[in-house]
Amino acid sequence: MDLTNIGIWVALVVIWIATVLAKMAMTRRMTRDHPVSNRPHPPVVSGFFLLNPLRVLLTKGVKAMTHEQHRALGSVFTLSFFGVNITFLVGPEVLDHFFQGSESEISHCNVFEFMVPILGKGVGFGADITTRTEQMRFHNDALKRPKIRNYIGAMLQEVEEYLAKWGQHGTVDIKHEMEQLVLLISSRCLLGKEIREKMLDEAHTLFRDLSGGMSLTSVLFPYAPTPTNRRRDAARAKLAKMFTEIVKSRRRGSSAGHHVQEDDVLQNLIDSKYKDGRPTTEAEVTGLIIMLLFGANNTSSVTSTWTGACLLSHGRWLAAAAEEQREIARRYGDRRRIDHDALLEMDTLHRCVKEALRMHPVIPVFFRKLLRGFTLRTKEGIEYEIPGGHHLASPALFNSRLPYVYRDPNVYDPDRFGPQRQEDKAGGRFSFTAFGGGRHSCVGEAYAYMQIKVIWSYLLRNFELKLVSPFPDTDWSKLVPSPKGNVMVSYKRVPA
């Protein structure tokens, strides 16, 4: 998005919420609940007193604003802006209902209405809760660990073939390399061999146009007849036609009795059935695969880049991760071929990825719409009633660096997740929310870790790497904050 600070994005989303208040008026009347107790509401910042947090938000970002208000008001506070109340929840102690509440009590659909034209009606955020829950089950089934085991070979093949194009030594922008690698892996494991082998360039172009639906104007006005929205809709229509033909072709082959079971997520979605026995439609498969690709592509490439930047900036951890690879290679007897079981043993690399996610979460702030009021107790023992109709915000960017949860939170230290410390578990259930949590936790968490570990285990085994550009700042102009600028890495191939 064309912004220079995530704070601006958040502020403009607030303004957008205000513009749709009229449309939400009926919903608000229907969901306005009666007080559930006589407990006080959280402290509210409004009117003239809102000027300072807005100034901090716009100039320094959501993390600085949250820090300032948290220090002044505690772990639960409300910003009231044009009649819209956004209640911030800071710390794992106050996040249970945020992540665990039922859809009838707390929802995030209104926040993601701009995704409906991208995914299609009847899919994801454009479906009723019963249908959406079943569709999430389809995703879950396709990305379960036993299924992921079958994708490892394809992931590794894509990595090997891509990195075979590198010379014996050289310098690359690792951010660009991660984007290309993850795209190839996603195309192979998610979209299917038809896309990977015949239509990858066309699909890539269409997905890029479809991503225009994540621009600021499209987020605020998803149905406005803007050039960006028209390109988004045209790309969506072409992708729907492409996948419809693939789904029909696979189903015809199955009906004719000479169907070869494909080993990809697309086939799993084609074979999925609702509880009443109804199979998924071509339109639903298209929307579900687009949803997965949006979730997998940007987040995995960004996390892969942050992982590399962090590893290559901390010699101790680079050495530890490389030694782990050598040990696993000795144990398995083949330095270049690593299977699913070996990936599960890469505890050091896993913790390095997890620590990169803690420090650079791909979703800086989680939002929900509260439909029914509830009470909570803060770390300090104060009880508040949160009224229905409020929007809730969980600032993961701030929560992941709370010093009473994470020791020296601004230091890259994967040991904090090791068996001796386990700071994320000691801090409470929702201390680590890089993949969300509770009812809406990311179904692709295991897949994402495996994909990133396949890439970096191969790099660590086969190359000597060095970060030659400064450690990157964060580019807050993207919906998924990413490393800013080029991330230049020199490489030297290790002899076989």
Protein backbone atom coordinates (compact mmCIF):
# COMPACT_ATOMS: atom_id res chain seq x y z
CA MET A 1 0.00 0.00 0.00
CA ASP A 2 1.16 3.52 -0.73
CA LEU A 3 1.95 4.45 2.84
CA THR A 4 5.14 5.25 4.67
CA ASN A 5 4.08 4.14 8.12
CA ILE A 6 1.75 1.46 9.37
CA GLY A 7 0.34 4.05 11.76
CA ILE A 8 -1.08 5.96 8.82
CA TRP A 9 -2.70 2.77 7.58
CA VAL A 10 -4.29 2.11 10.94
CA ALA A 11 -5.54 5.67 11.22
CA LEU A 12 -7.05 5.56 7.75
CA VAL A 13 -8.73 2.26 8.47
CA VAL A 14 -10.31 3.96 11.48
CA ILE A 15 -11.59 6.70 9.19
CA TRP A 16 -12.91 4.05 6.84
CA ILE A 17 -14.77 2.40 9.69
CA ALA A 18 -16.35 5.76 10.44
CA THR A 19 -17.54 6.10 6.84
CA VAL A 20 -19.46 2.84 7.03
CA LEU A 21 -21.14 3.55 10.35
CA ALA A 22 -24.41 4.25 8.59
CA LYS A 23 -24.33 0.82 6.97
CA MET A 24 -23.50 -0.74 10.31
CA ALA A 25 -26.20 1.11 12.21
CA MET A 26 -28.72 -1.70 11.91
CA THR A 27 -26.12 -4.28 12.91
CA ARG A 28 -25.09 -2.19 15.89
CA ARG A 29 -28.71 -1.93 17.04
CA MET A 30 -29.08 -5.67 16.71
CA THR A 31 -25.84 -6.44 18.53
CA ARG A 32 -25.97 -3.72 21.19
CA ASP A 33 -25.95 -5.70 24.39
CA HIS A 34 -27.14 -4.88 27.82
CA PRO A 35 -24.50 -4.27 30.45
CA VAL A 36 -23.15 -7.57 31.67
CA SER A 37 -21.98 -6.12 34.97
CA ASN A 38 -21.44 -2.93 36.87
CA ARG A 39 -17.70 -3.06 36.26
CA PRO A 40 -16.10 0.04 34.73
CA HIS A 41 -15.26 0.35 31.08
CA PRO A 42 -11.59 0.73 30.10
CA PRO A 43 -10.10 4.25 30.21
CA VAL A 44 -11.06 6.18 27.08
CA VAL A 45 -9.01 8.66 25.10
CA SER A 46 -11.26 10.90 23.01
CA GLY A 47 -11.81 14.44 21.81
CA PHE A 48 -8.96 16.87 22.41
CA PHE A 49 -6.96 14.22 24.30
CA LEU A 50 -6.89 12.04 21.19
CA LEU A 51 -4.63 14.49 19.38
CA ASN A 52 -1.43 13.31 21.04
CA PRO A 53 -1.86 9.54 20.42
CA LEU A 54 -2.85 10.32 16.82
CA ARG A 55 0.27 12.46 16.42
CA VAL A 56 2.44 9.63 17.76
CA LEU A 57 0.61 7.11 15.60
CA LEU A 58 1.17 9.13 12.44
CA THR A 59 4.78 10.09 13.13
CA LYS A 60 6.24 7.12 15.04
CA GLY A 61 3.88 4.22 14.37
CA VAL A 62 1.51 1.94 16.20
CA LYS A 63 4.22 0.43 18.41
CA ALA A 64 5.23 3.81 19.87
CA MET A 65 1.61 4.86 20.30
CA THR A 66 0.73 1.62 22.08
CA HIS A 67 3.78 1.96 24.34
CA GLU A 68 2.82 5.48 25.35
CA GLN A 69 -0.83 4.65 26.09
CA HIS A 70 0.06 1.39 27.82
CA ARG A 71 2.44 3.23 30.12
CA ALA A 72 -0.19 5.86 30.93
CA LEU A 73 -3.42 3.82 31.03
CA GLY A 74 -2.51 0.17 31.56
CA SER A 75 -3.01 -2.94 29.48
CA VAL A 76 -6.56 -2.15 28.29
CA PHE A 77 -7.57 1.22 26.86
CA THR A 78 -9.95 2.63 24.27
CA LEU A 79 -9.41 5.20 21.53
CA SER A 80 -12.72 6.82 20.58
CA PHE A 81 -12.60 8.33 17.11
CA PHE A 82 -15.66 9.74 15.28
CA GLY A 83 -17.89 7.54 17.41
CA VAL A 84 -15.85 4.39 16.67
CA ASN A 85 -14.33 2.78 19.76
CA ILE A 86 -11.13 0.77 19.31
CA THR A 87 -10.07 -1.05 22.47
CA PHE A 88 -6.44 -2.15 22.63
CA LEU A 89 -5.56 -5.34 24.51
CA VAL A 90 -1.93 -5.49 25.64
CA GLY A 91 -0.38 -8.64 27.06
CA PRO A 92 -1.31 -12.33 26.99
CA GLU A 93 -3.43 -12.02 30.16
CA VAL A 94 -6.20 -10.12 28.36
CA LEU A 95 -6.27 -12.01 25.04
CA ASP A 96 -8.19 -15.16 25.92
CA HIS A 97 -11.60 -13.98 24.72
CA PHE A 98 -10.04 -12.14 21.77
CA PHE A 99 -8.72 -15.41 20.36
CA GLN A 100 -11.17 -17.87 21.89
CA GLY A 101 -14.54 -16.10 21.66
CA SER A 102 -17.17 -17.63 19.39
CA GLU A 103 -18.12 -16.03 16.09
CA SER A 104 -21.44 -14.92 17.58
CA GLU A 105 -19.51 -12.95 20.20
CA ILE A 106 -16.44 -11.68 18.41
CA SER A 107 -15.84 -11.59 14.67
CA HIS A 108 -13.27 -10.34 12.20
CA CYS A 109 -15.41 -10.51 9.06
CA ASN A 110 -16.29 -6.81 8.91
CA VAL A 111 -12.61 -5.96 9.05
CA PHE A 112 -11.89 -8.12 5.99
CA GLU A 113 -14.82 -7.18 3.79
CA PHE A 114 -12.33 -5.95 1.18
CA MET A 115 -11.32 -9.61 0.67
CA VAL A 116 -14.75 -10.63 -0.65
CA PRO A 117 -14.12 -9.45 -4.25
CA ILE A 118 -10.74 -11.22 -4.15
CA LEU A 119 -11.94 -14.57 -2.83
CA GLY A 120 -15.45 -14.50 -4.27
CA LYS A 121 -18.87 -14.66 -2.67
CA GLY A 122 -19.54 -17.80 -0.71
CA VAL A 123 -15.87 -18.27 0.19
CA GLY A 124 -14.07 -17.25 3.37
CA PHE A 125 -15.16 -13.83 4.56
CA GLY A 126 -17.97 -13.79 2.00
CA ALA A 127 -19.61 -16.94 3.40
CA ASP A 128 -21.82 -17.53 6.40
CA ILE A 129 -20.10 -18.77 9.54
CA THR A 130 -21.19 -22.40 9.10
CA THR A 131 -19.84 -22.59 5.55
CA ARG A 132 -16.69 -20.70 6.48
CA THR A 133 -15.98 -23.08 9.36
CA GLU A 134 -16.23 -26.07 7.05
CA GLN A 135 -13.99 -24.39 4.49
CA MET A 136 -11.37 -23.83 7.18
CA ARG A 137 -11.62 -27.56 7.87
CA PHE A 138 -10.78 -28.19 4.20
CA HIS A 139 -7.66 -26.04 4.57
CA ASN A 140 -6.78 -27.82 7.80
CA ASP A 141 -7.13 -31.24 6.20
CA ALA A 142 -4.98 -30.23 3.22
CA LEU A 143 -2.21 -28.90 5.46
CA LYS A 144 -2.08 -31.54 8.18
CA ARG A 145 1.35 -32.89 9.01
CA PRO A 146 0.82 -36.26 7.26
CA LYS A 147 -0.05 -34.35 4.07
CA ILE A 148 2.85 -31.92 4.50
CA ARG A 149 5.22 -34.89 4.60
CA ASN A 150 4.21 -35.57 1.00
CA TYR A 151 5.09 -32.02 -0.08
CA ILE A 152 8.68 -32.03 1.23
CA GLY A 153 10.15 -33.72 -1.84
CA ALA A 154 8.53 -31.19 -4.16
CA MET A 155 9.70 -28.29 -1.99
CA LEU A 156 13.27 -29.56 -1.99
CA GLN A 157 13.26 -30.15 -5.73
CA GLU A 158 12.16 -26.56 -6.38
CA VAL A 159 14.89 -25.25 -4.06
CA GLU A 160 17.59 -27.42 -5.63
CA GLU A 161 16.65 -26.50 -9.19
CA TYR A 162 16.44 -22.79 -8.44
CA LEU A 163 19.70 -22.59 -6.49
CA ALA A 164 21.51 -24.69 -9.10
CA LYS A 165 21.38 -21.52 -11.23
CA TRP A 166 23.63 -19.69 -8.76
CA GLY A 167 27.30 -19.73 -9.69
CA GLN A 168 30.20 -20.86 -7.52
CA HIS A 169 30.19 -17.47 -5.84
CA GLY A 170 28.42 -14.17 -6.18
CA THR A 171 26.08 -11.67 -4.55
CA VAL A 172 22.28 -11.73 -4.57
CA ASP A 173 19.36 -9.80 -3.11
CA ILE A 174 18.10 -12.49 -0.77
CA LYS A 175 14.71 -10.81 -0.51
CA HIS A 176 14.19 -11.20 -4.25
CA GLU A 177 15.49 -14.76 -4.14
CA MET A 178 13.07 -15.69 -1.34
CA GLU A 179 10.14 -14.18 -3.23
CA GLN A 180 10.97 -16.25 -6.31
CA LEU A 181 11.61 -19.47 -4.39
CA VAL A 182 8.44 -19.27 -2.33
CA LEU A 183 6.43 -18.52 -5.47
CA LEU A 184 7.82 -21.65 -7.14
CA ILE A 185 7.15 -23.81 -4.07
CA SER A 186 3.62 -22.42 -3.70
CA SER A 187 2.92 -23.01 -7.37
CA ARG A 188 4.08 -26.61 -7.09
CA CYS A 189 2.47 -27.56 -3.77
CA LEU A 190 -0.63 -25.35 -3.70
CA LEU A 191 -1.65 -24.49 -7.26
CA GLY A 192 -0.83 -27.82 -8.91
CA LYS A 193 1.36 -29.09 -11.72
CA GLU A 194 -0.86 -27.58 -14.44
CA ILE A 195 -0.06 -24.06 -13.23
CA ARG A 196 3.57 -24.83 -12.40
CA GLU A 197 4.39 -26.45 -15.73
CA LYS A 198 2.29 -24.50 -18.23
CA MET A 199 0.85 -21.27 -16.88
CA LEU A 200 3.15 -20.01 -14.12
CA ASP A 201 4.04 -16.69 -15.74
CA GLU A 202 0.41 -15.95 -16.58
CA ALA A 203 -0.76 -16.96 -13.10
CA HIS A 204 1.96 -14.85 -11.49
CA THR A 205 0.84 -11.78 -13.46
CA LEU A 206 -2.80 -12.38 -12.55
CA PHE A 207 -2.01 -12.82 -8.87
CA ARG A 208 -0.02 -9.60 -8.92
CA ASP A 209 -3.04 -7.74 -10.35
CA LEU A 210 -5.27 -9.47 -7.84
CA SER A 211 -2.98 -8.23 -5.07
CA GLY A 212 -3.98 -4.73 -6.12
CA GLY A 213 -7.10 -5.47 -4.10
CA MET A 214 -4.90 -4.99 -1.03
CA SER A 215 -4.12 -1.37 -1.91
CA LEU A 216 -5.36 1.40 0.33
CA THR A 217 -8.16 2.57 -1.95
CA SER A 218 -9.38 -1.00 -2.41
CA VAL A 219 -9.31 -1.67 1.34
CA LEU A 220 -11.34 1.48 2.02
CA PHE A 221 -13.65 1.22 -1.00
CA PRO A 222 -13.61 -2.40 -2.23
CA TYR A 223 -16.48 -1.92 -4.69
CA ALA A 224 -15.57 1.48 -6.12
CA PRO A 225 -15.02 1.48 -9.92
CA THR A 226 -11.34 2.42 -9.66
CA PRO A 227 -8.70 1.25 -12.17
CA THR A 228 -7.09 -0.90 -9.44
CA ASN A 229 -10.38 -2.59 -8.62
CA ARG A 230 -11.13 -3.18 -12.30
CA ARG A 231 -7.75 -4.86 -12.77
CA ARG A 232 -8.39 -6.90 -9.62
CA ASP A 233 -11.78 -8.04 -10.88
CA ALA A 234 -10.45 -8.87 -14.37
CA ALA A 235 -7.61 -10.91 -12.86
CA ARG A 236 -10.04 -12.69 -10.55
CA ALA A 237 -12.25 -13.65 -13.50
CA LYS A 238 -9.31 -15.02 -15.50
CA LEU A 239 -8.01 -17.00 -12.53
CA ALA A 240 -11.49 -18.40 -11.94
CA LYS A 241 -11.65 -19.56 -15.57
CA MET A 242 -8.16 -21.07 -15.31
CA PHE A 243 -8.91 -23.04 -12.16
CA THR A 244 -12.39 -24.04 -13.30
CA GLU A 245 -10.88 -25.73 -16.34
CA ILE A 246 -8.26 -27.49 -14.20
CA VAL A 247 -10.84 -28.70 -11.68
CA LYS A 248 -13.17 -29.94 -14.42
CA SER A 249 -10.29 -31.70 -16.19
CA ARG A 250 -9.23 -33.51 -13.04
CA ARG A 251 -12.80 -34.51 -12.25
CA ARG A 252 -13.37 -35.77 -15.80
CA GLY A 253 -10.26 -37.90 -15.52
CA SER A 254 -11.47 -39.31 -12.24
CA SER A 255 -14.90 -40.12 -13.67
CA ALA A 256 -13.33 -41.83 -16.67
CA GLY A 257 -11.44 -44.16 -14.38
CA HIS A 258 -7.91 -43.11 -15.40
CA HIS A 259 -7.40 -40.44 -12.79
CA VAL A 260 -3.92 -40.14 -11.34
CA GLN A 261 -4.12 -38.77 -7.81
CA GLU A 262 -2.21 -35.50 -7.69
CA ASP A 263 -0.12 -34.81 -4.63
CA ASP A 264 -0.99 -31.15 -4.03
CA VAL A 265 -3.29 -28.95 -1.97
CA LEU A 266 -5.45 -28.18 -5.00
CA GLN A 267 -6.43 -31.84 -5.29
CA ASN A 268 -7.26 -31.97 -1.59
CA LEU A 269 -9.64 -29.04 -2.00
CA ILE A 270 -11.21 -30.61 -5.08
CA ASP A 271 -11.85 -33.82 -3.13
CA SER A 272 -13.23 -32.03 -0.05
CA LYS A 273 -16.88 -32.43 0.88
CA TYR A 274 -19.18 -30.58 3.24
CA LYS A 275 -20.84 -32.44 6.09
CA ASP A 276 -24.01 -32.87 4.02
CA GLY A 277 -22.00 -34.65 1.32
CA ARG A 278 -21.89 -31.76 -1.13
CA PRO A 279 -18.55 -31.47 -2.98
CA THR A 280 -16.76 -28.17 -3.37
CA THR A 281 -17.63 -26.20 -6.50
CA GLU A 282 -15.11 -24.86 -8.99
CA ALA A 283 -15.77 -21.32 -7.69
CA GLU A 284 -15.17 -22.42 -4.12
CA VAL A 285 -11.94 -24.25 -4.98
CA THR A 286 -10.71 -21.12 -6.78
CA GLY A 287 -11.48 -18.90 -3.79
CA LEU A 288 -9.97 -21.33 -1.29
CA ILE A 289 -6.73 -21.71 -3.23
CA ILE A 290 -6.45 -17.93 -3.62
CA MET A 291 -6.94 -17.55 0.13
CA LEU A 292 -4.15 -20.02 0.82
CA LEU A 293 -1.80 -18.43 -1.68
CA PHE A 294 -2.33 -14.97 -0.19
CA GLY A 295 -1.58 -16.38 3.23
CA ALA A 296 1.43 -18.45 2.16
CA ASN A 297 3.25 -16.40 -0.42
CA ASN A 298 3.96 -12.99 1.12
CA THR A 299 4.23 -14.16 4.71
CA SER A 300 6.62 -17.03 3.98
CA SER A 301 8.90 -15.02 1.69
CA VAL A 302 9.04 -12.13 4.18
CA THR A 303 9.74 -14.47 7.11
CA SER A 304 12.39 -16.31 5.09
CA THR A 305 14.10 -12.99 4.41
CA TRP A 306 13.95 -11.85 8.04
CA THR A 307 15.29 -15.24 9.13
CA GLY A 308 18.25 -14.87 6.81
CA ALA A 309 18.95 -11.28 7.82
CA CYS A 310 18.86 -12.23 11.52
CA LEU A 311 21.01 -15.34 11.11
CA LEU A 312 23.62 -13.60 9.00
CA SER A 313 23.80 -10.71 11.50
CA HIS A 314 24.41 -12.96 14.49
CA GLY A 315 27.51 -15.10 14.03
CA ARG A 316 26.80 -17.28 17.04
CA TRP A 317 23.44 -18.37 15.69
CA LEU A 318 24.66 -18.74 12.13
CA ALA A 319 27.39 -21.07 13.39
CA ALA A 320 24.94 -23.01 15.58
CA ALA A 321 22.44 -23.45 12.74
CA ALA A 322 25.19 -24.52 10.32
CA GLU A 323 26.61 -27.02 12.82
CA GLU A 324 23.14 -28.50 13.32
CA GLN A 325 22.94 -29.03 9.57
CA ARG A 326 26.30 -30.77 9.50
CA GLU A 327 25.28 -33.04 12.36
CA ILE A 328 21.99 -33.98 10.70
CA ALA A 329 23.79 -34.60 7.41
CA ARG A 330 26.25 -36.93 9.19
CA ARG A 331 23.40 -38.75 10.89
CA TYR A 332 21.35 -39.18 7.72
CA GLY A 333 24.34 -39.85 5.48
CA ASP A 334 23.46 -37.45 2.67
CA ARG A 335 24.28 -33.78 2.97
CA ARG A 336 22.06 -32.71 0.09
CA ARG A 337 18.91 -34.77 0.58
CA ILE A 338 16.88 -34.06 3.69
CA ASP A 339 13.49 -35.59 4.43
CA HIS A 340 10.57 -34.73 6.70
CA ASP A 341 11.99 -36.52 9.75
CA ALA A 342 15.28 -34.65 9.43
CA LEU A 343 13.44 -31.32 9.20
CA LEU A 344 11.62 -32.09 12.45
CA GLU A 345 14.99 -32.55 14.16
CA MET A 346 16.20 -29.07 13.16
CA ASP A 347 15.39 -27.52 16.52
CA THR A 348 18.00 -24.75 16.34
CA LEU A 349 16.86 -23.65 12.89
CA HIS A 350 13.22 -23.82 14.00
CA ARG A 351 13.94 -21.55 16.97
CA CYS A 352 15.84 -19.14 14.72
CA VAL A 353 12.79 -18.84 12.44
CA LYS A 354 10.47 -18.44 15.43
CA GLU A 355 12.61 -15.69 16.94
CA ALA A 356 12.62 -13.82 13.61
CA LEU A 357 8.83 -14.03 13.63
CA ARG A 358 8.65 -12.74 17.20
CA MET A 359 10.74 -9.70 16.37
CA HIS A 360 9.21 -9.12 12.93
CA PRO A 361 5.60 -10.40 12.98
CA VAL A 362 3.96 -10.49 9.58
CA ILE A 363 0.69 -9.24 11.09
CA PRO A 364 1.56 -6.31 13.37
CA VAL A 365 -1.98 -5.80 14.68
CA PHE A 366 -4.91 -8.23 14.85
CA PHE A 367 -8.40 -6.73 14.66
CA ARG A 368 -11.81 -8.07 15.69
CA LYS A 369 -15.36 -6.71 15.95
CA LEU A 370 -16.99 -7.32 19.33
CA LEU A 371 -20.65 -8.29 18.95
CA ARG A 372 -21.40 -9.06 22.58
CA GLY A 373 -19.84 -7.44 25.63
CA PHE A 374 -17.61 -9.33 28.04
CA THR A 375 -15.45 -8.75 31.10
CA LEU A 376 -11.74 -9.33 31.54
CA ARG A 377 -9.12 -9.07 34.24
CA THR A 378 -5.81 -7.34 33.59
CA LYS A 379 -2.37 -8.39 34.80
CA GLU A 380 -2.77 -5.81 37.56
CA GLY A 381 -6.02 -7.42 38.72
CA ILE A 382 -8.34 -4.69 37.40
CA GLU A 383 -11.62 -5.91 35.89
CA TYR A 384 -13.17 -4.08 32.94
CA GLU A 385 -16.35 -4.53 30.96
CA ILE A 386 -15.82 -4.19 27.21
CA PRO A 387 -19.11 -3.11 25.59
CA GLY A 388 -20.47 -4.78 22.48
CA GLY A 389 -19.92 -2.73 19.33
CA HIS A 390 -16.28 -1.99 20.13
CA HIS A 391 -13.51 -2.92 17.76
CA LEU A 392 -10.69 -4.80 19.45
CA ALA A 393 -7.00 -4.56 18.57
CA SER A 394 -4.25 -6.91 19.68
CA PRO A 395 -0.92 -5.21 18.80
CA ALA A 396 1.25 -8.27 18.18
CA LEU A 397 4.16 -6.02 17.30
CA PHE A 398 4.10 -4.64 20.86
CA ASN A 399 2.95 -7.78 22.68
CA SER A 400 5.85 -9.78 21.26
CA ARG A 401 8.34 -7.47 22.98
CA LEU A 402 6.90 -7.17 26.46
CA PRO A 403 9.87 -7.32 28.86
CA TYR A 404 7.98 -9.20 31.57
CA VAL A 405 7.32 -11.98 29.01
CA TYR A 406 10.54 -11.92 26.99
CA ARG A 407 13.89 -11.23 28.63
CA ASP A 408 15.82 -8.55 26.70
CA PRO A 409 13.02 -8.47 24.10
CA ASN A 410 14.95 -6.35 21.59
CA VAL A 411 17.77 -8.90 21.40
CA TYR A 412 17.70 -11.71 18.83
CA ASP A 413 17.96 -14.75 21.09
CA PRO A 414 16.45 -18.04 19.80
CA ASP A 415 17.44 -19.68 23.10
CA ARG A 416 14.41 -18.03 24.67
CA PHE A 417 12.35 -20.77 22.99
CA GLY A 418 14.67 -23.56 24.10
CA PRO A 419 13.74 -26.22 26.67
CA GLN A 420 15.50 -24.40 29.53
CA ARG A 421 13.55 -21.15 29.16
CA GLN A 422 10.42 -21.55 26.99
CA GLU A 423 9.55 -17.91 27.55
CA ASP A 424 6.55 -18.04 25.25
CA LYS A 425 4.95 -20.82 27.31
CA ALA A 426 5.95 -19.37 30.67
CA GLY A 427 4.42 -16.03 29.68
CA GLY A 428 0.97 -17.47 29.04
CA ARG A 429 -1.03 -19.09 26.30
CA PHE A 430 -1.09 -16.10 23.96
CA SER A 431 2.43 -14.81 24.50
CA PHE A 432 3.44 -15.81 20.95
CA THR A 433 0.81 -14.94 18.34
CA ALA A 434 2.78 -14.72 15.10
CA PHE A 435 0.29 -17.24 13.65
CA GLY A 436 -2.71 -15.89 15.54
CA GLY A 437 -4.26 -18.15 18.14
CA GLY A 438 -7.38 -19.90 19.35
CA ARG A 439 -10.25 -20.30 16.92
CA HIS A 440 -8.58 -18.36 14.13
CA SER A 441 -5.00 -19.59 14.38
CA CYS A 442 -3.26 -19.95 11.04
CA VAL A 443 -3.91 -23.38 9.53
CA GLY A 444 -0.69 -23.13 7.54
CA GLU A 445 1.70 -22.78 10.49
CA ALA A 446 3.31 -26.21 10.13
CA TYR A 447 3.49 -25.82 6.33
CA ALA A 448 5.15 -22.40 6.67
CA TYR A 449 7.80 -23.65 9.09
CA MET A 450 8.59 -26.62 6.87
CA GLN A 451 8.84 -24.48 3.74
CA ILE A 452 11.20 -21.98 5.37
CA LYS A 453 13.30 -24.73 6.93
CA VAL A 454 13.61 -26.55 3.58
CA ILE A 455 14.99 -23.35 2.03
CA TRP A 456 17.39 -22.40 4.80
CA SER A 457 18.59 -25.91 5.59
CA TYR A 458 19.62 -26.27 1.97
CA LEU A 459 21.34 -22.87 1.93
CA LEU A 460 23.21 -23.58 5.17
CA ARG A 461 24.39 -26.99 3.96
CA ASN A 462 25.57 -25.89 0.55
CA PHE A 463 26.76 -22.29 0.81
CA GLU A 464 28.87 -19.97 2.90
CA LEU A 465 26.78 -16.82 3.30
CA LYS A 466 27.47 -13.28 4.45
CA LEU A 467 25.19 -10.24 4.78
CA VAL A 468 26.97 -7.45 2.88
CA SER A 469 24.32 -4.73 3.19
CA PRO A 470 23.25 -3.17 6.51
CA PHE A 471 20.58 -4.96 8.52
CA PRO A 472 17.34 -3.82 6.88
CA ASP A 473 14.81 -1.46 8.36
CA THR A 474 11.15 -2.46 8.23
CA ASP A 475 9.12 -1.27 5.27
CA TRP A 476 5.82 -0.27 6.85
CA SER A 477 4.37 0.65 3.46
CA LYS A 478 3.27 -2.95 2.88
CA LEU A 479 0.26 -4.75 4.28
CA VAL A 480 2.74 -7.43 5.36
CA PRO A 481 5.69 -5.38 6.73
CA SER A 482 8.86 -6.55 5.01
CA PRO A 483 12.59 -5.77 5.01
CA LYS A 484 13.11 -2.39 3.35
CA GLY A 485 15.23 -2.16 0.23
CA ASN A 486 17.64 -4.79 -1.01
CA VAL A 487 19.05 -7.37 1.38
CA MET A 488 22.35 -8.18 -0.26
CA VAL A 489 24.07 -11.46 0.59
CA SER A 490 27.32 -12.82 -0.79
CA TYR A 491 27.59 -16.58 -1.27
CA LYS A 492 30.24 -19.16 -1.95
CA ARG A 493 29.28 -22.68 -2.89
CA VAL A 494 30.60 -25.39 -0.56
CA PRO A 495 32.36 -28.22 -2.43
CA ALA A 496 30.31 -31.42 -2.65
